[in-house]
Amino acid sequence: MTDQSNIPVPGKRSLFERAEDQFSLGGFAPAPVPAELAATPRNVRKTVRKAVIVEETVEHDGEAAEAAAPIENAPVIVPAAAPVPAKTIPAMRVEFTGPRVTIDRAKLRAHGLIQPEGPVTALLEEFRLVKRQLLLAARAARGAQPQRVLVCSPLPGEGKTFSAVNLALAIAAEKDSEVVLVDADFAKPSIPAVLGFKAEVGLMDALRDPQVQVEDCVLPTDIDGLFVLPAGNPSAHDSEYLASGRTAEVLARLTQGAFNRMVIFDSPPALAASPASELAGHVGQALVICRADQTGQTALEDALSLLSACPDIKLLLNAANFSPSGRRFGTYYGHGG
């Protein structure tokens, strides 16, 4: 038979209904709210700090409590703006104002130098390689001193003036560069004679007399991009003038505001006169000319020691008849193939 004991009887509450009466939330209600709220105690002051409201408990001492500033007058702290860095104003470019001179092409040919309007020759290609190394070093270092190159040799007769002039002519051919060829051999200046013009004032006059501006001594030429600064009137104290504080100021004006301008110094031989070692401290690169079968190892080492103030010294072998690499520019251009 079927068990009828669990069948609900009308009028009798089930187990679930009785559990709901015992555990349901129907009997809960919000707490009563008083009709009037208590006034805020006088010993509580509200202040604003960086837009965040905080409460501080202070003692109620009469006048001190009365002096407490109301919330509407409390200061708001605003972070200070970061300082704006000052803009660096580039130095004004120095332009050269000396009289324009004409370079004697016949003189260039007579001395075996590069012809500015001539064909590509082995000599031009050799100095193209040399100038490229100097230009790359100057651009990589980014400064006034790497733009200055000292051309020197240990002893006379090793080709320093020949190399300095050819190097300046090669750099002048660059489309975005200028070059100042400086005759720094004060005892035996030769640049004006080699280029075929006469000069009066020059670098030594600017070093000796503060009233002489070096840019007035620099001569523009009829070769685009080429400028010449003569040695100037001779002095018995050329080394002392080079060692003075004015030298840095004068040389700085040669490249001021002109980041594409190179300065080539044709100095006296390092072992024959002192200006080379003095100028070494004002240049960023030095090109030491060594003549094949003539320059001795000891002389070269002594010259390098005197030029040690220069951070970048390169060697150029002049009058060499043998190339270890087999490079023969003359053969290529001479025979057109």
Protein backbone atom coordinates (compact mmCIF):
# COMPACT_ATOMS: atom_id res chain seq x y z
CA MET A 1 0.00 0.00 0.00
CA THR A 2 1.02 3.61 -0.49
CA ASP A 3 2.45 5.49 2.50
CA GLN A 4 0.08 8.43 3.14
CA SER A 5 1.92 9.86 6.15
CA ASN A 6 3.76 12.62 4.15
CA ILE A 7 0.74 13.91 2.28
CA PRO A 8 0.04 17.51 3.42
CA VAL A 9 -3.16 18.03 5.26
CA PRO A 10 -5.16 21.22 4.51
CA GLY A 11 -4.71 23.82 7.24
CA LYS A 12 -1.37 22.39 8.35
CA ARG A 13 1.91 24.37 7.39
CA SER A 14 4.69 22.50 5.59
CA LEU A 15 8.32 22.26 6.69
CA PHE A 16 9.48 24.83 4.00
CA GLU A 17 6.85 27.35 5.02
CA ARG A 18 7.89 27.12 8.63
CA ALA A 19 11.58 27.53 7.68
CA GLU A 20 10.79 30.68 5.71
CA ASP A 21 9.11 32.16 8.77
CA GLN A 22 12.22 31.41 10.81
CA PHE A 23 15.05 32.55 8.44
CA SER A 24 13.60 35.01 5.90
CA LEU A 25 14.64 38.76 5.75
CA GLY A 26 11.11 40.02 5.80
CA GLY A 27 11.35 41.04 9.42
CA PHE A 28 14.29 43.44 8.91
CA ALA A 29 13.72 47.22 8.37
CA PRO A 30 15.99 50.39 8.09
CA ALA A 31 17.04 52.05 11.33
CA PRO A 32 14.86 54.99 12.32
CA VAL A 33 16.17 58.44 11.27
CA PRO A 34 15.82 61.25 13.81
CA ALA A 35 13.81 64.27 12.74
CA GLU A 36 16.70 66.69 13.54
CA LEU A 37 20.44 66.01 13.14
CA ALA A 38 22.90 67.03 15.83
CA ALA A 39 24.97 70.13 15.09
CA THR A 40 28.62 69.62 13.99
CA PRO A 41 30.93 69.94 17.02
CA ARG A 42 33.07 73.09 17.07
CA ASN A 43 36.21 71.09 17.75
CA VAL A 44 36.16 69.57 14.20
CA ARG A 45 37.70 71.59 11.37
CA LYS A 46 37.60 70.66 7.70
CA THR A 47 40.48 71.66 5.46
CA VAL A 48 41.23 71.10 1.77
CA ARG A 49 44.56 69.58 0.80
CA LYS A 50 45.07 68.89 -2.89
CA ALA A 51 41.33 68.59 -3.42
CA VAL A 52 41.01 65.84 -0.71
CA ILE A 53 38.89 66.59 2.36
CA VAL A 54 40.37 65.41 5.65
CA GLU A 55 39.29 65.97 9.23
CA GLU A 56 41.57 67.13 12.03
CA THR A 57 40.63 67.23 15.72
CA VAL A 58 41.89 70.34 17.49
CA GLU A 59 41.49 71.55 21.03
CA HIS A 60 38.69 73.98 21.68
CA ASP A 61 40.55 76.95 23.15
CA GLY A 62 38.29 79.85 22.35
CA GLU A 63 40.23 82.33 20.15
CA ALA A 64 42.18 79.60 18.35
CA ALA A 65 38.96 77.86 17.39
CA GLU A 66 37.39 81.14 16.25
CA ALA A 67 40.46 81.87 14.09
CA ALA A 68 40.08 78.61 12.18
CA ALA A 69 39.45 79.44 8.50
CA PRO A 70 36.12 78.24 7.08
CA ILE A 71 36.26 75.60 4.37
CA GLU A 72 35.34 77.99 1.56
CA ASN A 73 38.46 80.09 2.20
CA ALA A 74 40.91 77.22 2.58
CA PRO A 75 43.83 77.35 0.06
CA VAL A 76 44.15 74.73 -2.65
CA ILE A 77 47.72 73.53 -3.32
CA VAL A 78 48.50 73.35 -7.03
CA PRO A 79 51.70 71.57 -8.19
CA ALA A 80 54.24 73.95 -9.74
CA ALA A 81 54.79 73.68 -13.48
CA ALA A 82 58.05 72.09 -14.66
CA PRO A 83 60.68 74.67 -15.67
CA VAL A 84 61.04 75.22 -19.41
CA PRO A 85 64.66 74.81 -20.57
CA ALA A 86 66.19 77.87 -22.18
CA LYS A 87 66.66 77.71 -25.93
CA THR A 88 70.23 77.62 -27.21
CA ILE A 89 70.79 80.42 -29.69
CA PRO A 90 73.30 79.39 -32.37
CA ALA A 91 76.30 81.65 -32.80
CA MET A 92 76.07 84.08 -35.68
CA ARG A 93 77.98 82.94 -38.74
CA VAL A 94 81.21 84.85 -39.32
CA GLU A 95 81.60 86.00 -42.91
CA PHE A 96 84.96 86.89 -44.41
CA THR A 97 85.39 90.46 -45.58
CA GLY A 98 88.92 90.55 -47.02
CA PRO A 99 89.50 91.59 -50.66
CA ARG A 100 88.82 88.97 -53.29
CA VAL A 101 91.90 87.49 -55.01
CA THR A 102 92.40 85.49 -58.20
CA ILE A 103 94.24 82.18 -58.13
CA ASP A 104 96.86 81.89 -60.88
CA ARG A 105 96.14 78.58 -62.66
CA ALA A 106 99.53 78.69 -64.38
CA LYS A 107 101.19 78.76 -60.95
CA LEU A 108 99.16 75.72 -59.92
CA ARG A 109 100.33 73.80 -63.00
CA ALA A 110 103.94 74.88 -62.46
CA HIS A 111 103.89 73.47 -58.92
CA GLY A 112 102.13 70.26 -59.99
CA LEU A 113 98.97 71.08 -58.04
CA ILE A 114 95.34 70.13 -58.67
CA GLN A 115 93.63 72.10 -61.46
CA PRO A 116 90.21 73.25 -60.17
CA GLU A 117 88.56 73.17 -63.62
CA GLY A 118 90.78 70.41 -65.02
CA PRO A 119 90.07 66.74 -65.65
CA VAL A 120 90.11 64.03 -63.01
CA THR A 121 93.69 62.94 -62.43
CA ALA A 122 95.50 60.44 -60.24
CA LEU A 123 96.58 63.31 -57.96
CA LEU A 124 92.99 64.49 -57.53
CA GLU A 125 91.81 60.99 -56.73
CA GLU A 126 94.52 60.52 -54.12
CA PHE A 127 93.52 63.70 -52.31
CA ARG A 128 89.85 62.83 -52.63
CA LEU A 129 90.59 59.80 -50.48
CA VAL A 130 92.52 61.90 -47.99
CA LYS A 131 89.88 64.62 -47.69
CA ARG A 132 87.09 62.08 -47.25
CA GLN A 133 88.72 60.68 -44.13
CA LEU A 134 89.18 64.15 -42.67
CA LEU A 135 85.61 65.23 -43.46
CA LEU A 136 84.12 62.07 -41.98
CA ALA A 137 86.15 62.50 -38.78
CA ALA A 138 85.08 66.15 -38.48
CA ARG A 139 81.40 65.34 -38.93
CA ALA A 140 81.50 62.40 -36.53
CA ALA A 141 83.16 64.45 -33.77
CA ARG A 142 80.85 67.49 -34.24
CA GLY A 143 82.87 70.37 -32.94
CA ALA A 144 84.98 73.33 -33.94
CA GLN A 145 88.32 71.67 -33.28
CA PRO A 146 87.81 68.63 -35.57
CA GLN A 147 87.10 71.14 -38.35
CA ARG A 148 90.70 72.35 -37.97
CA VAL A 149 93.43 70.24 -39.57
CA LEU A 150 97.15 70.79 -39.07
CA VAL A 151 99.30 69.75 -42.03
CA CYS A 152 102.87 69.26 -40.88
CA SER A 153 106.04 67.29 -41.54
CA PRO A 154 109.00 66.35 -39.35
CA LEU A 155 111.59 68.14 -41.52
CA PRO A 156 111.69 70.57 -44.46
CA GLY A 157 111.34 69.30 -48.02
CA GLU A 158 108.84 66.52 -47.30
CA GLY A 159 105.86 68.08 -49.11
CA LYS A 160 103.73 69.69 -46.42
CA THR A 161 102.81 72.82 -48.45
CA PHE A 162 102.17 70.70 -51.56
CA SER A 163 99.82 68.50 -49.52
CA ALA A 164 98.10 71.39 -47.71
CA VAL A 165 97.27 73.26 -50.93
CA ASN A 166 96.05 70.15 -52.76
CA LEU A 167 93.95 69.15 -49.77
CA ALA A 168 92.34 72.62 -49.65
CA LEU A 169 91.62 72.54 -53.40
CA ALA A 170 90.04 69.09 -53.05
CA ILE A 171 87.81 70.15 -50.15
CA ALA A 172 86.75 73.34 -52.00
CA ALA A 173 85.28 71.10 -54.71
CA GLU A 174 82.77 69.67 -52.20
CA LYS A 175 79.22 70.84 -52.90
CA ASP A 176 78.37 71.61 -49.27
CA SER A 177 81.74 72.55 -47.73
CA GLU A 178 84.06 75.53 -47.48
CA VAL A 179 87.74 75.57 -46.64
CA VAL A 180 90.13 78.18 -45.25
CA LEU A 181 93.77 77.58 -46.16
CA VAL A 182 95.91 79.18 -43.43
CA ASP A 183 99.57 79.98 -44.00
CA ALA A 184 100.91 79.31 -40.47
CA ASP A 185 104.56 79.13 -41.51
CA PHE A 186 105.33 82.62 -40.20
CA ALA A 187 109.09 82.41 -40.75
CA LYS A 188 108.83 81.27 -44.39
CA PRO A 189 105.31 81.91 -45.71
CA SER A 190 104.73 80.46 -49.17
CA ILE A 191 100.99 80.07 -49.80
CA PRO A 192 100.45 83.44 -51.58
CA ALA A 193 103.45 82.84 -53.85
CA VAL A 194 102.26 79.33 -54.74
CA LEU A 195 98.74 80.58 -55.55
CA GLY A 196 99.96 83.64 -57.42
CA PHE A 197 98.88 86.71 -55.41
CA LYS A 198 100.34 89.14 -52.88
CA ALA A 199 99.12 89.61 -49.31
CA GLU A 200 99.86 92.05 -46.50
CA VAL A 201 97.98 91.39 -43.27
CA GLY A 202 97.19 87.94 -41.97
CA LEU A 203 96.96 85.61 -38.97
CA MET A 204 99.93 87.02 -37.05
CA ASP A 205 98.50 90.54 -37.28
CA ALA A 206 95.20 89.33 -35.78
CA LEU A 207 97.05 87.54 -32.96
CA ARG A 208 99.27 90.51 -32.18
CA ASP A 209 96.75 93.36 -32.42
CA PRO A 210 93.30 93.02 -30.76
CA GLN A 211 92.03 95.77 -33.04
CA VAL A 212 92.53 93.55 -36.10
CA GLN A 213 89.63 91.19 -36.80
CA VAL A 214 90.74 87.91 -38.34
CA GLU A 215 87.74 87.81 -40.69
CA ASP A 216 89.04 91.00 -42.32
CA CYS A 217 92.30 89.18 -43.10
CA VAL A 218 90.70 86.15 -44.78
CA LEU A 219 90.70 86.48 -48.57
CA PRO A 220 87.91 85.01 -50.71
CA THR A 221 89.18 83.57 -54.00
CA ASP A 222 87.74 83.05 -57.46
CA ILE A 223 87.54 79.31 -56.67
CA ASP A 224 84.17 78.63 -55.08
CA GLY A 225 84.49 77.51 -51.48
CA LEU A 226 88.19 78.39 -51.14
CA PHE A 227 89.45 81.10 -48.77
CA VAL A 228 93.03 81.97 -47.85
CA LEU A 229 94.37 83.43 -44.60
CA PRO A 230 97.97 84.65 -45.14
CA ALA A 231 100.62 84.45 -42.44
CA GLY A 232 100.76 88.23 -42.04
CA ASN A 233 103.64 90.45 -41.04
CA PRO A 234 106.51 88.52 -39.41
CA SER A 235 107.21 88.67 -35.71
CA ALA A 236 110.10 87.56 -33.54
CA HIS A 237 107.59 86.20 -31.01
CA ASP A 238 105.29 84.10 -33.20
CA SER A 239 105.39 81.13 -30.82
CA GLU A 240 104.53 83.34 -27.82
CA TYR A 241 101.58 84.88 -29.66
CA LEU A 242 100.32 81.41 -30.56
CA ALA A 243 100.58 80.39 -26.90
CA SER A 244 98.52 83.39 -25.74
CA GLY A 245 94.87 83.24 -24.76
CA ARG A 246 93.87 85.28 -27.80
CA THR A 247 94.70 82.42 -30.18
CA ALA A 248 91.65 80.37 -29.18
CA GLU A 249 89.38 83.38 -29.71
CA VAL A 250 90.86 84.19 -33.12
CA LEU A 251 90.72 80.60 -34.39
CA ALA A 252 87.17 80.13 -33.11
CA ARG A 253 85.97 82.92 -35.40
CA LEU A 254 87.20 81.04 -38.45
CA THR A 255 84.50 78.41 -37.97
CA GLN A 256 81.92 80.29 -35.87
CA GLY A 257 78.43 79.52 -37.13
CA ALA A 258 79.83 77.59 -40.12
CA PHE A 259 79.58 73.86 -39.44
CA ASN A 260 80.51 73.01 -43.03
CA ARG A 261 83.78 74.97 -43.00
CA MET A 262 87.16 73.27 -42.68
CA VAL A 263 90.40 75.04 -41.77
CA ILE A 264 93.72 73.72 -43.11
CA PHE A 265 96.90 74.99 -41.41
CA ASP A 266 100.15 74.80 -43.37
CA SER A 267 102.60 74.90 -40.47
CA PRO A 268 106.41 74.88 -40.38
CA PRO A 269 108.14 71.49 -39.89
CA ALA A 270 107.66 70.19 -36.35
CA LEU A 271 111.38 69.61 -35.74
CA ALA A 272 112.46 72.92 -37.29
CA ALA A 273 110.17 75.45 -35.59
CA SER A 274 107.86 75.60 -32.57
CA PRO A 275 104.54 76.87 -34.08
CA ALA A 276 103.53 73.35 -35.13
CA SER A 277 103.51 72.06 -31.56
CA GLU A 278 101.63 75.18 -30.38
CA LEU A 279 98.96 74.78 -33.07
CA ALA A 280 98.56 71.08 -32.23
CA GLY A 281 96.64 72.07 -29.13
CA HIS A 282 94.12 74.09 -31.15
CA VAL A 283 93.24 71.53 -33.83
CA GLY A 284 91.26 68.31 -33.79
CA GLN A 285 93.19 66.51 -36.52
CA ALA A 286 96.79 66.49 -37.73
CA LEU A 287 98.13 65.17 -41.01
CA VAL A 288 101.84 64.41 -40.80
CA ILE A 289 103.55 64.22 -44.18
CA CYS A 290 106.30 61.62 -44.54
CA ARG A 291 108.35 61.46 -47.72
CA ALA A 292 109.14 58.00 -49.03
CA ASP A 293 112.83 57.05 -48.74
CA GLN A 294 113.56 60.32 -46.91
CA THR A 295 111.73 60.65 -43.59
CA GLY A 296 113.53 58.67 -40.89
CA GLN A 297 111.78 56.71 -38.18
CA THR A 298 113.43 58.65 -35.36
CA ALA A 299 112.46 62.01 -36.88
CA LEU A 300 108.89 60.81 -37.30
CA GLU A 301 108.67 59.59 -33.72
CA ASP A 302 110.04 62.90 -32.40
CA ALA A 303 107.55 64.87 -34.51
CA LEU A 304 104.63 62.77 -33.26
CA SER A 305 105.74 63.40 -29.71
CA LEU A 306 105.73 67.18 -30.28
CA LEU A 307 102.24 67.00 -31.82
CA SER A 308 100.78 64.80 -29.07
CA ALA A 309 98.39 67.56 -27.96
CA CYS A 310 96.31 66.78 -31.05
CA PRO A 311 93.82 63.95 -30.34
CA ASP A 312 93.79 62.53 -33.89
CA ILE A 313 97.05 62.22 -35.85
CA LYS A 314 97.17 60.65 -39.32
CA LEU A 315 100.18 59.89 -41.52
CA LEU A 316 100.40 60.60 -45.25
CA LEU A 317 103.16 58.97 -47.28
CA ASN A 318 104.27 61.37 -50.03
CA ALA A 319 106.17 60.58 -53.26
CA ALA A 320 105.64 56.84 -52.98
CA ASN A 321 106.25 54.78 -56.13
CA PHE A 322 104.90 51.53 -54.73
CA SER A 323 101.38 50.77 -53.51
CA PRO A 324 100.97 47.60 -51.37
CA SER A 325 97.28 47.46 -52.34
CA GLY A 326 98.01 47.69 -56.05
CA ARG A 327 96.05 50.94 -56.40
CA ARG A 328 96.95 52.76 -59.62
CA PHE A 329 94.74 55.79 -60.23
CA GLY A 330 97.15 57.14 -62.85
CA THR A 331 96.85 54.02 -64.98
CA TYR A 332 93.04 54.02 -64.82
CA TYR A 333 92.54 57.67 -65.74
CA GLY A 334 95.56 57.91 -68.01
CA HIS A 335 94.34 55.17 -70.35
CA GLY A 336 90.60 55.68 -69.95
CA GLY A 337 89.81 52.09 -69.22
